[in-house]
C-alpha atoms as a PDB file:
ATOM      1  CA  UNK A   1       0.000   0.000   0.000  1.00  0.00           C
ATOM      2  CA  UNK A   2       1.224   3.460  -0.864  1.00  0.00           C
ATOM      3  CA  UNK A   3       0.309   6.905   0.341  1.00  0.00           C
ATOM      4  CA  UNK A   4      -0.730   9.864  -1.861  1.00  0.00           C
ATOM      5  CA  UNK A   5       2.897  10.765  -2.625  1.00  0.00           C
ATOM      6  CA  UNK A   6       3.829   7.212  -3.555  1.00  0.00           C
ATOM      7  CA  UNK A   7       5.741   6.400  -0.368  1.00  0.00           C
ATOM      8  CA  UNK A   8       4.998   3.047   1.325  1.00  0.00           C
ATOM      9  CA  UNK A   9       2.612   3.696   4.212  1.00  0.00           C
ATOM     10  CA  UNK A  10       4.042   0.797   6.239  1.00  0.00           C
ATOM     11  CA  UNK A  11       7.685   1.831   5.825  1.00  0.00           C
ATOM     12  CA  UNK A  12       8.515  -1.398   4.019  1.00  0.00           C
ATOM     13  CA  UNK A  13      11.474   0.320   2.356  1.00  0.00           C
ATOM     14  CA  UNK A  14      13.201   1.107   5.679  1.00  0.00           C
ATOM     15  CA  UNK A  15      15.546  -1.097   7.715  1.00  0.00           C
ATOM     16  CA  UNK A  16      16.577  -0.245  11.272  1.00  0.00           C
ATOM     17  CA  UNK A  17      20.101  -1.475  11.971  1.00  0.00           C
ATOM     18  CA  UNK A  18      20.754  -1.977  15.692  1.00  0.00           C
ATOM     19  CA  UNK A  19      24.215  -2.941  17.033  1.00  0.00           C
ATOM     20  CA  UNK A  20      23.556  -5.170  20.037  1.00  0.00           C
ATOM     21  CA  UNK A  21      25.878  -6.006  22.919  1.00  0.00           C
ATOM     22  CA  UNK A  22      24.626  -7.225  26.313  1.00  0.00           C
ATOM     23  CA  UNK A  23      21.295  -5.368  26.226  1.00  0.00           C
ATOM     24  CA  UNK A  24      18.964  -8.222  27.229  1.00  0.00           C
ATOM     25  CA  UNK A  25      17.255  -6.018  29.834  1.00  0.00           C
ATOM     26  CA  UNK A  26      15.865  -3.527  27.307  1.00  0.00           C
ATOM     27  CA  UNK A  27      16.289  -4.764  23.722  1.00  0.00           C
ATOM     28  CA  UNK A  28      12.914  -6.525  23.611  1.00  0.00           C
ATOM     29  CA  UNK A  29      11.059  -3.289  24.338  1.00  0.00           C
ATOM     30  CA  UNK A  30      13.300  -1.323  21.944  1.00  0.00           C
ATOM     31  CA  UNK A  31      12.585  -3.725  19.074  1.00  0.00           C
ATOM     32  CA  UNK A  32       8.857  -4.023  19.802  1.00  0.00           C
ATOM     33  CA  UNK A  33       8.434  -0.245  19.929  1.00  0.00           C
ATOM     34  CA  UNK A  34      10.404   0.216  16.706  1.00  0.00           C
ATOM     35  CA  UNK A  35       8.545  -2.535  14.828  1.00  0.00           C
ATOM     36  CA  UNK A  36       5.194  -0.901  15.570  1.00  0.00           C
ATOM     37  CA  UNK A  37       6.273   1.705  12.984  1.00  0.00           C
ATOM     38  CA  UNK A  38       9.163   0.069  11.092  1.00  0.00           C
ATOM     39  CA  UNK A  39       8.610  -3.660  10.513  1.00  0.00           C
ATOM     40  CA  UNK A  40      12.154  -4.372   9.307  1.00  0.00           C
ATOM     41  CA  UNK A  41      14.666  -4.459  12.163  1.00  0.00           C
ATOM     42  CA  UNK A  42      18.012  -6.247  12.126  1.00  0.00           C
ATOM     43  CA  UNK A  43      20.051  -6.548  15.301  1.00  0.00           C
ATOM     44  CA  UNK A  44      23.730  -7.418  15.036  1.00  0.00           C
ATOM     45  CA  UNK A  45      24.548  -9.385  18.172  1.00  0.00           C
ATOM     46  CA  UNK A  46      28.176  -8.410  18.659  1.00  0.00           C
ATOM     47  CA  UNK A  47      29.334 -11.289  20.837  1.00  0.00           C
ATOM     48  CA  UNK A  48      26.859 -10.717  23.680  1.00  0.00           C
ATOM     49  CA  UNK A  49      27.299 -12.826  26.801  1.00  0.00           C
ATOM     50  CA  UNK A  50      23.678 -12.533  27.870  1.00  0.00           C
ATOM     51  CA  UNK A  51      20.284 -13.316  26.312  1.00  0.00           C
ATOM     52  CA  UNK A  52      20.237 -10.238  24.067  1.00  0.00           C
ATOM     53  CA  UNK A  53      19.903 -12.184  20.822  1.00  0.00           C
ATOM     54  CA  UNK A  54      17.022 -14.311  22.099  1.00  0.00           C
ATOM     55  CA  UNK A  55      15.180 -11.238  23.418  1.00  0.00           C
ATOM     56  CA  UNK A  56      15.600  -9.421  20.103  1.00  0.00           C
ATOM     57  CA  UNK A  57      14.357 -12.413  18.124  1.00  0.00           C
ATOM     58  CA  UNK A  58      11.370 -12.854  20.438  1.00  0.00           C
ATOM     59  CA  UNK A  59      10.407  -9.244  19.748  1.00  0.00           C
ATOM     60  CA  UNK A  60      10.489  -9.861  15.997  1.00  0.00           C
ATOM     61  CA  UNK A  61      13.927  -8.665  14.909  1.00  0.00           C
ATOM     62  CA  UNK A  62      16.215 -10.479  12.528  1.00  0.00           C
ATOM     63  CA  UNK A  63      19.424 -11.270  14.415  1.00  0.00           C
ATOM     64  CA  UNK A  64      22.832 -11.600  12.765  1.00  0.00           C
ATOM     65  CA  UNK A  65      25.538 -12.834  15.121  1.00  0.00           C
ATOM     66  CA  UNK A  66      29.206 -11.978  15.495  1.00  0.00           C
ATOM     67  CA  UNK A  67      30.934 -14.873  17.310  1.00  0.00           C
ATOM     68  CA  UNK A  68      33.126 -12.393  19.218  1.00  0.00           C
ATOM     69  CA  UNK A  69      32.806  -8.717  20.120  1.00  0.00           C
ATOM     70  CA  UNK A  70      34.159  -6.643  17.231  1.00  0.00           C
ATOM     71  CA  UNK A  71      32.816  -3.194  18.091  1.00  0.00           C
ATOM     72  CA  UNK A  72      29.989  -0.925  16.995  1.00  0.00           C
ATOM     73  CA  UNK A  73      31.591   0.058  13.698  1.00  0.00           C
ATOM     74  CA  UNK A  74      31.897  -3.571  12.635  1.00  0.00           C
ATOM     75  CA  UNK A  75      28.333  -4.263  13.759  1.00  0.00           C
ATOM     76  CA  UNK A  76      26.992  -1.396  11.658  1.00  0.00           C
ATOM     77  CA  UNK A  77      28.881  -2.582   8.583  1.00  0.00           C
ATOM     78  CA  UNK A  78      27.436  -6.072   9.038  1.00  0.00           C
ATOM     79  CA  UNK A  79      23.963  -4.564   9.397  1.00  0.00           C
ATOM     80  CA  UNK A  80      24.416  -2.489   6.250  1.00  0.00           C
ATOM     81  CA  UNK A  81      25.406  -5.600   4.308  1.00  0.00           C
ATOM     82  CA  UNK A  82      22.354  -7.459   5.558  1.00  0.00           C
ATOM     83  CA  UNK A  83      19.950  -4.625   4.712  1.00  0.00           C
ATOM     84  CA  UNK A  84      21.418  -4.329   1.216  1.00  0.00           C
ATOM     85  CA  UNK A  85      20.324  -7.913   0.648  1.00  0.00           C
ATOM     86  CA  UNK A  86      16.722  -6.688   0.528  1.00  0.00           C
ATOM     87  CA  UNK A  87      16.162  -5.241  -2.976  1.00  0.00           C
ATOM     88  CA  UNK A  88      13.234  -3.209  -1.643  1.00  0.00           C
ATOM     89  CA  UNK A  89      15.344  -1.381   0.938  1.00  0.00           C
ATOM     90  CA  UNK A  90      15.690   2.325   0.177  1.00  0.00           C
ATOM     91  CA  UNK A  91      16.662   3.640   3.627  1.00  0.00           C
ATOM     92  CA  UNK A  92      18.770   2.433   6.537  1.00  0.00           C
ATOM     93  CA  UNK A  93      18.444   3.891  10.025  1.00  0.00           C
ATOM     94  CA  UNK A  94      21.240   3.388  12.549  1.00  0.00           C
ATOM     95  CA  UNK A  95      19.535   2.976  15.917  1.00  0.00           C
ATOM     96  CA  UNK A  96      20.896   2.283  19.401  1.00  0.00           C
ATOM     97  CA  UNK A  97      19.907  -0.747  21.472  1.00  0.00           C
ATOM     98  CA  UNK A  98      19.746   0.887  24.904  1.00  0.00           C
ATOM     99  CA  UNK A  99      16.479   2.799  24.558  1.00  0.00           C
ATOM    100  CA  UNK A 100      17.915   6.284  24.134  1.00  0.00           C
ATOM    101  CA  UNK A 101      16.589   6.840  20.585  1.00  0.00           C
ATOM    102  CA  UNK A 102      12.985   7.762  19.805  1.00  0.00           C
ATOM    103  CA  UNK A 103      11.003   6.217  16.942  1.00  0.00           C
ATOM    104  CA  UNK A 104       9.106   9.490  16.424  1.00  0.00           C
ATOM    105  CA  UNK A 105      12.411  11.177  15.575  1.00  0.00           C
ATOM    106  CA  UNK A 106      13.045   8.604  12.848  1.00  0.00           C
ATOM    107  CA  UNK A 107       9.647   9.389  11.326  1.00  0.00           C
ATOM    108  CA  UNK A 108      10.531  13.100  11.312  1.00  0.00           C
ATOM    109  CA  UNK A 109      13.899  12.358   9.703  1.00  0.00           C
ATOM    110  CA  UNK A 110      12.210  10.355   6.948  1.00  0.00           C
ATOM    111  CA  UNK A 111       9.698  13.133   6.345  1.00  0.00           C
ATOM    112  CA  UNK A 112      12.547  15.637   6.060  1.00  0.00           C
ATOM    113  CA  UNK A 113      14.567  13.455   3.680  1.00  0.00           C
ATOM    114  CA  UNK A 114      11.605  12.872   1.415  1.00  0.00           C
ATOM    115  CA  UNK A 115      10.414  16.479   1.446  1.00  0.00           C
ATOM    116  CA  UNK A 116      13.875  17.926   0.751  1.00  0.00           C
ATOM    117  CA  UNK A 117      15.270  15.126  -1.462  1.00  0.00           C
ATOM    118  CA  UNK A 118      18.112  14.432   0.973  1.00  0.00           C
ATOM    119  CA  UNK A 119      20.391  11.396   0.779  1.00  0.00           C
ATOM    120  CA  UNK A 120      21.389  11.454   4.464  1.00  0.00           C
ATOM    121  CA  UNK A 121      19.848  12.951   7.591  1.00  0.00           C
ATOM    122  CA  UNK A 122      21.955  13.160  10.743  1.00  0.00           C
ATOM    123  CA  UNK A 123      20.191  13.357  14.077  1.00  0.00           C
ATOM    124  CA  UNK A 124      21.273  16.273  16.262  1.00  0.00           C
ATOM    125  CA  UNK A 125      20.652  16.641  19.991  1.00  0.00           C
ATOM    126  CA  UNK A 126      21.751  20.297  19.772  1.00  0.00           C
ATOM    127  CA  UNK A 127      19.003  21.644  17.489  1.00  0.00           C
ATOM    128  CA  UNK A 128      16.447  21.837  20.309  1.00  0.00           C
ATOM    129  CA  UNK A 129      16.428  21.618  24.094  1.00  0.00           C
ATOM    130  CA  UNK A 130      14.815  18.212  24.623  1.00  0.00           C
ATOM    131  CA  UNK A 131      18.044  16.331  25.359  1.00  0.00           C
ATOM    132  CA  UNK A 132      19.270  16.844  28.917  1.00  0.00           C
ATOM    133  CA  UNK A 133      23.030  16.333  28.977  1.00  0.00           C
ATOM    134  CA  UNK A 134      25.502  17.686  31.505  1.00  0.00           C
ATOM    135  CA  UNK A 135      27.467  20.824  30.694  1.00  0.00           C
ATOM    136  CA  UNK A 136      30.733  18.853  30.617  1.00  0.00           C
ATOM    137  CA  UNK A 137      29.323  16.211  28.285  1.00  0.00           C
ATOM    138  CA  UNK A 138      28.021  18.911  25.936  1.00  0.00           C
ATOM    139  CA  UNK A 139      31.407  20.609  26.018  1.00  0.00           C
ATOM    140  CA  UNK A 140      33.293  17.440  25.060  1.00  0.00           C
ATOM    141  CA  UNK A 141      30.785  16.572  22.334  1.00  0.00           C
ATOM    142  CA  UNK A 142      31.026  20.093  20.916  1.00  0.00           C
ATOM    143  CA  UNK A 143      34.808  19.689  20.814  1.00  0.00           C
ATOM    144  CA  UNK A 144      34.368  16.420  18.902  1.00  0.00           C
ATOM    145  CA  UNK A 145      32.016  18.169  16.468  1.00  0.00           C
ATOM    146  CA  UNK A 146      34.546  20.947  15.933  1.00  0.00           C
ATOM    147  CA  UNK A 147      37.306  18.445  15.226  1.00  0.00           C
ATOM    148  CA  UNK A 148      35.106  16.504  12.804  1.00  0.00           C
ATOM    149  CA  UNK A 149      34.048  19.658  10.958  1.00  0.00           C
ATOM    150  CA  UNK A 150      37.685  20.682  10.606  1.00  0.00           C
ATOM    151  CA  UNK A 151      38.834  17.311   9.295  1.00  0.00           C
ATOM    152  CA  UNK A 152      35.897  16.335   7.035  1.00  0.00           C
ATOM    153  CA  UNK A 153      33.927  17.958   4.242  1.00  0.00           C
ATOM    154  CA  UNK A 154      30.850  18.371   6.423  1.00  0.00           C
ATOM    155  CA  UNK A 155      29.360  21.013   8.677  1.00  0.00           C
ATOM    156  CA  UNK A 156      27.305  19.428  11.439  1.00  0.00           C
ATOM    157  CA  UNK A 157      26.124  20.366  14.913  1.00  0.00           C
ATOM    158  CA  UNK A 158      26.293  16.799  16.300  1.00  0.00           C
ATOM    159  CA  UNK A 159      28.695  14.512  14.461  1.00  0.00           C
ATOM    160  CA  UNK A 160      28.594  11.684  17.029  1.00  0.00           C
ATOM    161  CA  UNK A 161      24.894  11.053  17.289  1.00  0.00           C
ATOM    162  CA  UNK A 162      24.128   7.396  16.613  1.00  0.00           C
ATOM    163  CA  UNK A 163      20.728   8.136  15.046  1.00  0.00           C
ATOM    164  CA  UNK A 164      21.167   8.540  11.279  1.00  0.00           C
ATOM    165  CA  UNK A 165      19.049   8.025   8.165  1.00  0.00           C
ATOM    166  CA  UNK A 166      20.995   6.930   5.080  1.00  0.00           C
ATOM    167  CA  UNK A 167      19.715   6.239   1.573  1.00  0.00           C
ATOM    168  CA  UNK A 168      20.523   3.024  -0.235  1.00  0.00           C
ATOM    169  CA  UNK A 169      22.961   4.531  -2.789  1.00  0.00           C
ATOM    170  CA  UNK A 170      25.000   5.984   0.082  1.00  0.00           C
ATOM    171  CA  UNK A 171      24.902   2.768   2.122  1.00  0.00           C
ATOM    172  CA  UNK A 172      26.244   0.927  -0.923  1.00  0.00           C
ATOM    173  CA  UNK A 173      29.354   3.146  -0.863  1.00  0.00           C
ATOM    174  CA  UNK A 174      30.066   3.149   2.879  1.00  0.00           C
ATOM    175  CA  UNK A 175      32.962   0.993   4.074  1.00  0.00           C
ATOM    176  CA  UNK A 176      33.540   1.304   7.821  1.00  0.00           C
ATOM    177  CA  UNK A 177      36.993   0.141   8.915  1.00  0.00           C
ATOM    178  CA  UNK A 178      37.088   1.729  12.393  1.00  0.00           C
ATOM    179  CA  UNK A 179      35.437  -0.873  14.597  1.00  0.00           C
ATOM    180  CA  UNK A 180      35.261   1.148  17.819  1.00  0.00           C
ATOM    181  CA  UNK A 181      33.872   4.616  18.570  1.00  0.00           C
ATOM    182  CA  UNK A 182      35.962   6.393  15.911  1.00  0.00           C
ATOM    183  CA  UNK A 183      33.709   4.764  13.312  1.00  0.00           C
ATOM    184  CA  UNK A 184      31.265   7.667  13.713  1.00  0.00           C
ATOM    185  CA  UNK A 185      33.777  10.200  12.423  1.00  0.00           C
ATOM    186  CA  UNK A 186      34.867   7.821   9.675  1.00  0.00           C
ATOM    187  CA  UNK A 187      31.266   7.459   8.525  1.00  0.00           C
ATOM    188  CA  UNK A 188      30.790  11.237   8.475  1.00  0.00           C
ATOM    189  CA  UNK A 189      34.058  11.679   6.560  1.00  0.00           C
ATOM    190  CA  UNK A 190      33.046   9.139   3.922  1.00  0.00           C
ATOM    191  CA  UNK A 191      29.664  10.798   3.441  1.00  0.00           C
ATOM    192  CA  UNK A 192      31.382  14.190   3.234  1.00  0.00           C
ATOM    193  CA  UNK A 193      33.558  12.879   0.407  1.00  0.00           C
ATOM    194  CA  UNK A 194      30.478  11.856  -1.575  1.00  0.00           C
ATOM    195  CA  UNK A 195      28.519  14.252  -3.765  1.00  0.00           C
ATOM    196  CA  UNK A 196      25.293  13.781  -1.806  1.00  0.00           C
ATOM    197  CA  UNK A 197      22.718  15.995  -0.146  1.00  0.00           C
ATOM    198  CA  UNK A 198      22.633  15.814   3.647  1.00  0.00           C
ATOM    199  CA  UNK A 199      20.880  17.622   6.455  1.00  0.00           C
ATOM    200  CA  UNK A 200      20.224  17.465  10.185  1.00  0.00           C
ATOM    201  CA  UNK A 201      17.059  16.890  12.183  1.00  0.00           C
ATOM    202  CA  UNK A 202      16.491  17.524  15.912  1.00  0.00           C
ATOM    203  CA  UNK A 203      16.328  14.358  17.997  1.00  0.00           C
ATOM    204  CA  UNK A 204      15.720  13.616  21.655  1.00  0.00           C
ATOM    205  CA  UNK A 205      18.422  11.457  23.226  1.00  0.00           C
ATOM    206  CA  UNK A 206      16.946   9.995  26.399  1.00  0.00           C
ATOM    207  CA  UNK A 207      19.719   9.581  28.958  1.00  0.00           C
ATOM    208  CA  UNK A 208      18.584   7.156  31.651  1.00  0.00           C
ATOM    209  CA  UNK A 209      20.484   5.609  34.539  1.00  0.00           C
ATOM    210  CA  UNK A 210      20.576   2.427  32.461  1.00  0.00           C
ATOM    211  CA  UNK A 211      21.976   4.045  29.303  1.00  0.00           C
ATOM    212  CA  UNK A 212      24.551   6.004  31.309  1.00  0.00           C
ATOM    213  CA  UNK A 213      25.732   2.791  32.956  1.00  0.00           C
ATOM    214  CA  UNK A 214      25.965   1.163  29.507  1.00  0.00           C
ATOM    215  CA  UNK A 215      28.331   3.752  28.085  1.00  0.00           C
ATOM    216  CA  UNK A 216      26.666   7.148  27.773  1.00  0.00           C
ATOM    217  CA  UNK A 217      28.685   8.732  30.573  1.00  0.00           C
ATOM    218  CA  UNK A 218      31.013  11.703  30.173  1.00  0.00           C
ATOM    219  CA  UNK A 219      33.929   9.273  29.984  1.00  0.00           C
ATOM    220  CA  UNK A 220      32.476   7.754  26.825  1.00  0.00           C
ATOM    221  CA  UNK A 221      32.377  11.215  25.260  1.00  0.00           C
ATOM    222  CA  UNK A 222      35.997  11.780  26.299  1.00  0.00           C
ATOM    223  CA  UNK A 223      36.985   8.425  24.782  1.00  0.00           C
ATOM    224  CA  UNK A 224      35.363   9.449  21.492  1.00  0.00           C
ATOM    225  CA  UNK A 225      37.428  12.635  21.415  1.00  0.00           C
ATOM    226  CA  UNK A 226      40.647  10.774  22.249  1.00  0.00           C
ATOM    227  CA  UNK A 227      40.014   8.157  19.552  1.00  0.00           C
ATOM    228  CA  UNK A 228      39.379  10.897  16.988  1.00  0.00           C
ATOM    229  CA  UNK A 229      42.705  12.561  17.705  1.00  0.00           C
ATOM    230  CA  UNK A 230      44.744   9.338  17.855  1.00  0.00           C
ATOM    231  CA  UNK A 231      43.230   7.430  14.962  1.00  0.00           C
END
């Protein structure tokens, strides 16, 4: 079924790609909430030691497994390869497993991409005031944005936001080699080198006690900055 502008009303052309590592406590709810709007979800179980994969599958996601932990960059690349196997896929969304991303923001990003003929939409937590991050975390993330803008052919307000919408032709050209956190800057740099249209959309990153404990602390932001400089 298609809407009046010809876009699939059930988002059958969209795949959510979710790197997954030891998130058994929340991944079932994350997948179920996402699939209420986006039926195609693939989780890349990156060597989890808990029941993450089983919980994701029970909620309706496709699960692709890494036998050992390779890192988020490697998980995204695996997810991209899987999504490209669906000839009907036109959009990939990179989406976190810990519950900090909002499905409504993905819908807004899709609307923006379609209305403005964009190839990529980056989520930005700095375009509105919904995201409540500490001053120090914001400072470090701003420094990372500044470094990325200086070293890539992009101008963004939030280069290390994990919520991104990427069109199929761009996904086909992405080749992530940085397995750990520096993959985010590598991905931005590769997109900046392409002759594609990109934009940003405001997103609400929900920092909970759980997500902070799983790696959204200020130290994670510092590690991102260090990896950028040393890579």
